[in-house]
Amino acid sequence: MSQYPEYKSLNLPGLAENVLSRWLEKRIFERSIEEREGAPAFTFYEGPPSANGLPGIHHVMSRSIKDIFCRYKTQKGFQVNRKGGWDTHGLPIEISVEKTLGITKEDIGEKISIEDYNKACRREVMKYKSVWDDLTRKMGYWVDLEHPYITFENSYIETCWYLLKELHKKNLLYKGYTIQPYSPAAGTGLSSHELNQPGTYKLVRYYYRGSVQRYPRCEE
């Protein structure tokens, strides 16, 4: 009798679930690292997604490409440690929390303590983590999510400050000038990603020396 199961019809979701179940049962991902102890290292840190939004097909595509490189290096004999992470900063988080709580930036420290505001932001930014973890498993993306790096943790923040200090000691930092998009309402600079958020710009009308002018204006 053949050791391989016979399939009467094509059921791709069922096949995927069978493969994933076997990988989990046999600890294939973990063994691909453990059994290469002492081999040359190839370390991968995922450019972290933000768990405050739902994943899309573009995340599946980019993660598939990342996974190809890690699996290739594994097959070439490297010990490939792959660390997942979560990006937890950004103006969209703050704006979402302020809308939910019905506050503005000026209310922080007055109507709500800084500590409670930070707690609300931490909850908001990890809102869809379980959905991301489920997608990670279903698409067969091998990365360590049990010990991720999280950008709001002090260990990560202090590491960034340490590296900046080392760059400064080596005279690798310099003062430069650039045009920076700025939000008067939020009191902060804006990244290109934040500029592309829905509703960031809209046409407004104002009077200038008796004539009506129409220009796009940042609404954040």
C-alpha atoms as a PDB file:
ATOM      1  CA  MET A   1       0.000   0.000   0.000  1.00  0.00           C
ATOM      2  CA  SER A   2       1.278   3.479  -0.864  1.00  0.00           C
ATOM      3  CA  GLN A   3       2.374   5.652   2.052  1.00  0.00           C
ATOM      4  CA  TYR A   4       0.852   8.667   0.327  1.00  0.00           C
ATOM      5  CA  PRO A   5      -2.878   9.451   0.675  1.00  0.00           C
ATOM      6  CA  GLU A   6      -5.050   9.255  -2.419  1.00  0.00           C
ATOM      7  CA  TYR A   7      -7.144  12.306  -3.223  1.00  0.00           C
ATOM      8  CA  LYS A   8     -10.337  11.861  -5.239  1.00  0.00           C
ATOM      9  CA  SER A   9     -10.734  15.593  -5.835  1.00  0.00           C
ATOM     10  CA  LEU A  10      -8.631  18.741  -5.567  1.00  0.00           C
ATOM     11  CA  ASN A  11      -9.157  20.471  -2.219  1.00  0.00           C
ATOM     12  CA  LEU A  12      -6.448  23.098  -1.902  1.00  0.00           C
ATOM     13  CA  PRO A  13      -7.546  24.449   1.536  1.00  0.00           C
ATOM     14  CA  GLY A  14      -7.567  20.890   2.869  1.00  0.00           C
ATOM     15  CA  LEU A  15      -4.115  20.170   1.428  1.00  0.00           C
ATOM     16  CA  ALA A  16      -2.751  23.362   2.952  1.00  0.00           C
ATOM     17  CA  GLU A  17      -4.179  22.483   6.362  1.00  0.00           C
ATOM     18  CA  ASN A  18      -2.659  18.993   6.188  1.00  0.00           C
ATOM     19  CA  VAL A  19       0.791  20.380   5.376  1.00  0.00           C
ATOM     20  CA  LEU A  20       0.581  23.027   8.106  1.00  0.00           C
ATOM     21  CA  SER A  21      -0.572  20.446  10.669  1.00  0.00           C
ATOM     22  CA  ARG A  22       2.392  18.217   9.824  1.00  0.00           C
ATOM     23  CA  TRP A  23       4.822  21.150  10.080  1.00  0.00           C
ATOM     24  CA  LEU A  24       3.460  22.001  13.528  1.00  0.00           C
ATOM     25  CA  GLU A  25       3.368  18.395  14.733  1.00  0.00           C
ATOM     26  CA  LYS A  26       6.926  17.641  13.592  1.00  0.00           C
ATOM     27  CA  ARG A  27       8.235  21.121  14.611  1.00  0.00           C
ATOM     28  CA  ILE A  28       9.772  21.501  11.162  1.00  0.00           C
ATOM     29  CA  PHE A  29      10.473  25.226  11.479  1.00  0.00           C
ATOM     30  CA  GLU A  30      12.109  24.899  14.898  1.00  0.00           C
ATOM     31  CA  ARG A  31      14.166  21.891  13.789  1.00  0.00           C
ATOM     32  CA  SER A  32      15.396  23.756  10.700  1.00  0.00           C
ATOM     33  CA  ILE A  33      17.168  26.051  13.166  1.00  0.00           C
ATOM     34  CA  GLU A  34      18.060  23.636  15.994  1.00  0.00           C
ATOM     35  CA  GLU A  35      19.645  21.017  13.711  1.00  0.00           C
ATOM     36  CA  ARG A  36      21.989  23.622  12.224  1.00  0.00           C
ATOM     37  CA  GLU A  37      23.581  24.666  15.486  1.00  0.00           C
ATOM     38  CA  GLY A  38      27.167  25.719  14.800  1.00  0.00           C
ATOM     39  CA  ALA A  39      26.558  26.338  11.087  1.00  0.00           C
ATOM     40  CA  PRO A  40      27.203  29.771   9.529  1.00  0.00           C
ATOM     41  CA  ALA A  41      24.516  32.203  10.622  1.00  0.00           C
ATOM     42  CA  PHE A  42      22.074  34.090   8.440  1.00  0.00           C
ATOM     43  CA  THR A  43      19.927  36.291  10.690  1.00  0.00           C
ATOM     44  CA  PHE A  44      16.661  37.793   9.508  1.00  0.00           C
ATOM     45  CA  TYR A  45      14.668  40.540  11.269  1.00  0.00           C
ATOM     46  CA  GLU A  46      11.330  41.153   9.619  1.00  0.00           C
ATOM     47  CA  GLY A  47      10.538  44.721   8.679  1.00  0.00           C
ATOM     48  CA  PRO A  48       7.690  44.879  11.158  1.00  0.00           C
ATOM     49  CA  PRO A  49       4.046  45.296  10.150  1.00  0.00           C
ATOM     50  CA  SER A  50       1.608  47.343  12.236  1.00  0.00           C
ATOM     51  CA  ALA A  51      -1.020  45.236  13.976  1.00  0.00           C
ATOM     52  CA  ASN A  52      -3.485  48.127  14.242  1.00  0.00           C
ATOM     53  CA  GLY A  53      -4.674  47.429  10.676  1.00  0.00           C
ATOM     54  CA  LEU A  54      -5.832  44.287   8.922  1.00  0.00           C
ATOM     55  CA  PRO A  55      -3.347  42.488   6.649  1.00  0.00           C
ATOM     56  CA  GLY A  56      -3.855  42.627   2.892  1.00  0.00           C
ATOM     57  CA  ILE A  57      -2.762  40.663  -0.166  1.00  0.00           C
ATOM     58  CA  HIS A  58       0.305  42.918  -0.498  1.00  0.00           C
ATOM     59  CA  HIS A  59       1.506  41.644   2.890  1.00  0.00           C
ATOM     60  CA  VAL A  60       1.148  38.046   1.664  1.00  0.00           C
ATOM     61  CA  MET A  61       3.161  38.879  -1.446  1.00  0.00           C
ATOM     62  CA  SER A  62       5.987  40.655   0.388  1.00  0.00           C
ATOM     63  CA  ARG A  63       6.202  37.978   3.074  1.00  0.00           C
ATOM     64  CA  SER A  64       6.370  35.246   0.435  1.00  0.00           C
ATOM     65  CA  ILE A  65       9.412  36.956  -1.066  1.00  0.00           C
ATOM     66  CA  LYS A  66      11.042  37.287   2.366  1.00  0.00           C
ATOM     67  CA  ASP A  67      10.383  33.616   3.075  1.00  0.00           C
ATOM     68  CA  ILE A  68      12.018  32.528  -0.188  1.00  0.00           C
ATOM     69  CA  PHE A  69      15.361  34.035   0.851  1.00  0.00           C
ATOM     70  CA  CYS A  70      15.251  32.455   4.319  1.00  0.00           C
ATOM     71  CA  ARG A  71      14.340  29.011   2.982  1.00  0.00           C
ATOM     72  CA  TYR A  72      17.053  29.260   0.312  1.00  0.00           C
ATOM     73  CA  LYS A  73      19.694  30.088   2.924  1.00  0.00           C
ATOM     74  CA  THR A  74      18.436  27.228   5.094  1.00  0.00           C
ATOM     75  CA  GLN A  75      18.817  24.799   2.184  1.00  0.00           C
ATOM     76  CA  LYS A  76      22.344  26.113   1.625  1.00  0.00           C
ATOM     77  CA  GLY A  77      23.231  24.990   5.159  1.00  0.00           C
ATOM     78  CA  PHE A  78      22.950  28.241   7.108  1.00  0.00           C
ATOM     79  CA  GLN A  79      21.347  28.494  10.526  1.00  0.00           C
ATOM     80  CA  VAL A  80      18.596  30.992   9.757  1.00  0.00           C
ATOM     81  CA  ASN A  81      17.183  32.687  12.838  1.00  0.00           C
ATOM     82  CA  ARG A  82      14.119  34.664  11.796  1.00  0.00           C
ATOM     83  CA  LYS A  83      12.721  37.181  14.234  1.00  0.00           C
ATOM     84  CA  GLY A  84       9.303  38.758  13.792  1.00  0.00           C
ATOM     85  CA  GLY A  85       8.370  42.170  15.104  1.00  0.00           C
ATOM     86  CA  TRP A  86       5.643  44.774  15.492  1.00  0.00           C
ATOM     87  CA  ASP A  87       5.783  48.406  14.449  1.00  0.00           C
ATOM     88  CA  THR A  88       3.906  50.285  17.167  1.00  0.00           C
ATOM     89  CA  HIS A  89       4.502  53.968  16.483  1.00  0.00           C
ATOM     90  CA  GLY A  90       2.756  56.385  14.212  1.00  0.00           C
ATOM     91  CA  LEU A  91       0.352  59.278  14.049  1.00  0.00           C
ATOM     92  CA  PRO A  92      -2.617  57.142  12.849  1.00  0.00           C
ATOM     93  CA  ILE A  93      -2.563  55.343  16.211  1.00  0.00           C
ATOM     94  CA  GLU A  94      -2.728  58.581  18.161  1.00  0.00           C
ATOM     95  CA  ILE A  95      -5.495  60.013  15.992  1.00  0.00           C
ATOM     96  CA  SER A  96      -7.557  56.822  16.267  1.00  0.00           C
ATOM     97  CA  VAL A  97      -7.229  56.776  20.068  1.00  0.00           C
ATOM     98  CA  GLU A  98      -8.118  60.464  20.345  1.00  0.00           C
ATOM     99  CA  LYS A  99     -11.240  59.953  18.220  1.00  0.00           C
ATOM    100  CA  THR A 100     -12.268  56.939  20.295  1.00  0.00           C
ATOM    101  CA  LEU A 101     -11.775  58.793  23.575  1.00  0.00           C
ATOM    102  CA  GLY A 102     -13.198  62.063  22.257  1.00  0.00           C
ATOM    103  CA  ILE A 103     -10.103  64.082  23.160  1.00  0.00           C
ATOM    104  CA  THR A 104      -7.488  66.241  21.458  1.00  0.00           C
ATOM    105  CA  LYS A 105      -3.748  66.573  21.997  1.00  0.00           C
ATOM    106  CA  GLU A 106      -4.378  69.442  24.410  1.00  0.00           C
ATOM    107  CA  ASP A 107      -6.451  67.139  26.661  1.00  0.00           C
ATOM    108  CA  ILE A 108      -3.534  64.775  27.332  1.00  0.00           C
ATOM    109  CA  GLY A 109      -2.379  65.454  30.858  1.00  0.00           C
ATOM    110  CA  GLU A 110      -5.630  67.295  31.603  1.00  0.00           C
ATOM    111  CA  LYS A 111      -8.684  65.122  30.875  1.00  0.00           C
ATOM    112  CA  ILE A 112      -6.611  61.945  30.647  1.00  0.00           C
ATOM    113  CA  SER A 113      -3.273  61.130  32.222  1.00  0.00           C
ATOM    114  CA  ILE A 114      -0.239  60.484  30.016  1.00  0.00           C
ATOM    115  CA  GLU A 115      -0.033  56.977  31.465  1.00  0.00           C
ATOM    116  CA  ASP A 116      -3.649  56.127  30.553  1.00  0.00           C
ATOM    117  CA  TYR A 117      -3.221  57.677  27.104  1.00  0.00           C
ATOM    118  CA  ASN A 118      -0.135  55.515  26.479  1.00  0.00           C
ATOM    119  CA  LYS A 119      -2.023  52.417  27.646  1.00  0.00           C
ATOM    120  CA  ALA A 120      -4.846  53.183  25.210  1.00  0.00           C
ATOM    121  CA  CYS A 121      -2.331  53.568  22.360  1.00  0.00           C
ATOM    122  CA  ARG A 122      -0.674  50.250  23.248  1.00  0.00           C
ATOM    123  CA  ARG A 123      -4.050  48.490  23.131  1.00  0.00           C
ATOM    124  CA  GLU A 124      -4.983  50.122  19.823  1.00  0.00           C
ATOM    125  CA  VAL A 125      -1.732  49.318  18.064  1.00  0.00           C
ATOM    126  CA  MET A 126      -2.008  45.568  18.776  1.00  0.00           C
ATOM    127  CA  LYS A 127      -5.736  45.349  18.009  1.00  0.00           C
ATOM    128  CA  TYR A 128      -5.429  42.861  15.137  1.00  0.00           C
ATOM    129  CA  LYS A 129      -2.435  40.844  16.336  1.00  0.00           C
ATOM    130  CA  SER A 130      -4.455  37.602  16.481  1.00  0.00           C
ATOM    131  CA  VAL A 131      -5.556  38.088  12.850  1.00  0.00           C
ATOM    132  CA  TRP A 132      -1.936  38.639  11.789  1.00  0.00           C
ATOM    133  CA  ASP A 133      -0.783  35.545  13.697  1.00  0.00           C
ATOM    134  CA  ASP A 134      -3.491  33.464  12.003  1.00  0.00           C
ATOM    135  CA  LEU A 135      -2.461  34.708   8.552  1.00  0.00           C
ATOM    136  CA  THR A 136       1.201  34.034   9.330  1.00  0.00           C
ATOM    137  CA  ARG A 137       0.387  30.411  10.142  1.00  0.00           C
ATOM    138  CA  LYS A 138      -1.975  29.838   7.219  1.00  0.00           C
ATOM    139  CA  MET A 139       0.388  31.181   4.569  1.00  0.00           C
ATOM    140  CA  GLY A 140       3.256  29.060   5.898  1.00  0.00           C
ATOM    141  CA  TYR A 141       5.437  32.045   6.703  1.00  0.00           C
ATOM    142  CA  TRP A 142       8.222  30.843   9.013  1.00  0.00           C
ATOM    143  CA  VAL A 143       9.215  33.483  11.534  1.00  0.00           C
ATOM    144  CA  ASP A 144       9.557  33.519  15.325  1.00  0.00           C
ATOM    145  CA  LEU A 145       6.515  35.354  16.688  1.00  0.00           C
ATOM    146  CA  GLU A 146       6.896  33.917  20.192  1.00  0.00           C
ATOM    147  CA  HIS A 147       9.760  36.322  20.913  1.00  0.00           C
ATOM    148  CA  PRO A 148       9.131  39.340  18.663  1.00  0.00           C
ATOM    149  CA  TYR A 149      10.772  42.707  18.948  1.00  0.00           C
ATOM    150  CA  ILE A 150       8.173  45.392  19.699  1.00  0.00           C
ATOM    151  CA  THR A 151       9.053  49.003  19.056  1.00  0.00           C
ATOM    152  CA  PHE A 152       7.265  50.385  22.134  1.00  0.00           C
ATOM    153  CA  GLU A 153       9.268  48.213  24.541  1.00  0.00           C
ATOM    154  CA  ASN A 154      12.024  49.946  26.481  1.00  0.00           C
ATOM    155  CA  SER A 155      14.633  47.418  25.357  1.00  0.00           C
ATOM    156  CA  TYR A 156      14.030  48.394  21.727  1.00  0.00           C
ATOM    157  CA  ILE A 157      13.892  52.138  22.439  1.00  0.00           C
ATOM    158  CA  GLU A 158      17.062  52.074  24.535  1.00  0.00           C
ATOM    159  CA  THR A 159      18.858  50.109  21.815  1.00  0.00           C
ATOM    160  CA  CYS A 160      17.982  52.807  19.269  1.00  0.00           C
ATOM    161  CA  TRP A 161      19.339  55.541  21.576  1.00  0.00           C
ATOM    162  CA  TYR A 162      22.489  53.492  22.181  1.00  0.00           C
ATOM    163  CA  LEU A 163      23.111  53.119  18.439  1.00  0.00           C
ATOM    164  CA  LEU A 164      22.548  56.855  17.910  1.00  0.00           C
ATOM    165  CA  LYS A 165      25.091  57.552  20.650  1.00  0.00           C
ATOM    166  CA  GLU A 166      27.622  55.271  18.970  1.00  0.00           C
ATOM    167  CA  LEU A 167      27.046  56.989  15.611  1.00  0.00           C
ATOM    168  CA  HIS A 168      27.533  60.373  17.297  1.00  0.00           C
ATOM    169  CA  LYS A 169      30.800  59.246  18.921  1.00  0.00           C
ATOM    170  CA  LYS A 170      32.099  58.265  15.475  1.00  0.00           C
ATOM    171  CA  ASN A 171      31.068  61.642  13.982  1.00  0.00           C
ATOM    172  CA  LEU A 172      28.663  59.941  11.612  1.00  0.00           C
ATOM    173  CA  LEU A 173      25.735  62.261  12.439  1.00  0.00           C
ATOM    174  CA  TYR A 174      25.409  65.661  10.832  1.00  0.00           C
ATOM    175  CA  LYS A 175      22.905  68.472  10.682  1.00  0.00           C
ATOM    176  CA  GLY A 176      21.010  68.773   7.427  1.00  0.00           C
ATOM    177  CA  TYR A 177      17.972  70.538   6.041  1.00  0.00           C
ATOM    178  CA  THR A 178      15.006  69.081   4.234  1.00  0.00           C
ATOM    179  CA  ILE A 179      11.387  69.931   3.493  1.00  0.00           C
ATOM    180  CA  GLN A 180       9.216  68.187   6.063  1.00  0.00           C
ATOM    181  CA  PRO A 181       5.434  67.885   5.708  1.00  0.00           C
ATOM    182  CA  TYR A 182       3.896  69.145   8.934  1.00  0.00           C
ATOM    183  CA  SER A 183       0.497  68.849  10.589  1.00  0.00           C
ATOM    184  CA  PRO A 184      -0.483  71.973  12.573  1.00  0.00           C
ATOM    185  CA  ALA A 185      -3.420  70.113  14.145  1.00  0.00           C
ATOM    186  CA  ALA A 186      -1.312  67.208  15.422  1.00  0.00           C
ATOM    187  CA  GLY A 187       1.791  69.297  16.081  1.00  0.00           C
ATOM    188  CA  THR A 188       4.154  66.872  14.371  1.00  0.00           C
ATOM    189  CA  GLY A 189       5.883  66.052  11.126  1.00  0.00           C
ATOM    190  CA  LEU A 190       4.224  63.613   8.734  1.00  0.00           C
ATOM    191  CA  SER A 191       5.687  60.591   6.982  1.00  0.00           C
ATOM    192  CA  SER A 192       4.918  59.766   3.363  1.00  0.00           C
ATOM    193  CA  HIS A 193       2.672  56.932   4.594  1.00  0.00           C
ATOM    194  CA  GLU A 194       0.711  59.316   6.801  1.00  0.00           C
ATOM    195  CA  LEU A 195       0.321  61.759   3.924  1.00  0.00           C
ATOM    196  CA  ASN A 196      -1.393  58.993   1.949  1.00  0.00           C
ATOM    197  CA  GLN A 197      -4.001  58.269   4.617  1.00  0.00           C
ATOM    198  CA  PRO A 198      -7.614  58.840   3.484  1.00  0.00           C
ATOM    199  CA  GLY A 199      -8.828  62.351   4.260  1.00  0.00           C
ATOM    200  CA  THR A 200      -5.378  63.827   4.858  1.00  0.00           C
ATOM    201  CA  TYR A 201      -5.965  66.500   2.242  1.00  0.00           C
ATOM    202  CA  LYS A 202      -9.125  68.183   1.077  1.00  0.00           C
ATOM    203  CA  LEU A 203      -9.970  71.389  -0.748  1.00  0.00           C
ATOM    204  CA  VAL A 204     -10.897  74.312   1.509  1.00  0.00           C
ATOM    205  CA  ARG A 205     -12.043  77.828   0.654  1.00  0.00           C
ATOM    206  CA  TYR A 206     -10.717  80.996   2.201  1.00  0.00           C
ATOM    207  CA  TYR A 207     -10.687  84.701   1.316  1.00  0.00           C
ATOM    208  CA  TYR A 208      -7.508  86.554   0.366  1.00  0.00           C
ATOM    209  CA  ARG A 209      -7.702  90.254  -0.432  1.00  0.00           C
ATOM    210  CA  GLY A 210     -11.300  89.993  -1.509  1.00  0.00           C
ATOM    211  CA  SER A 211     -10.934  86.957  -3.793  1.00  0.00           C
ATOM    212  CA  VAL A 212     -11.766  83.347  -3.104  1.00  0.00           C
ATOM    213  CA  GLN A 213      -8.759  80.993  -3.203  1.00  0.00           C
ATOM    214  CA  ARG A 214      -8.924  77.187  -3.300  1.00  0.00           C
ATOM    215  CA  TYR A 215      -5.931  75.138  -2.216  1.00  0.00           C
ATOM    216  CA  PRO A 216      -5.432  71.625  -0.836  1.00  0.00           C
ATOM    217  CA  ARG A 217      -4.822  71.719   2.891  1.00  0.00           C
ATOM    218  CA  CYS A 218      -3.594  69.148   5.368  1.00  0.00           C
ATOM    219  CA  GLU A 219      -6.488  68.205   7.634  1.00  0.00           C
ATOM    220  CA  GLU A 220      -4.649  66.066  10.213  1.00  0.00           C
END
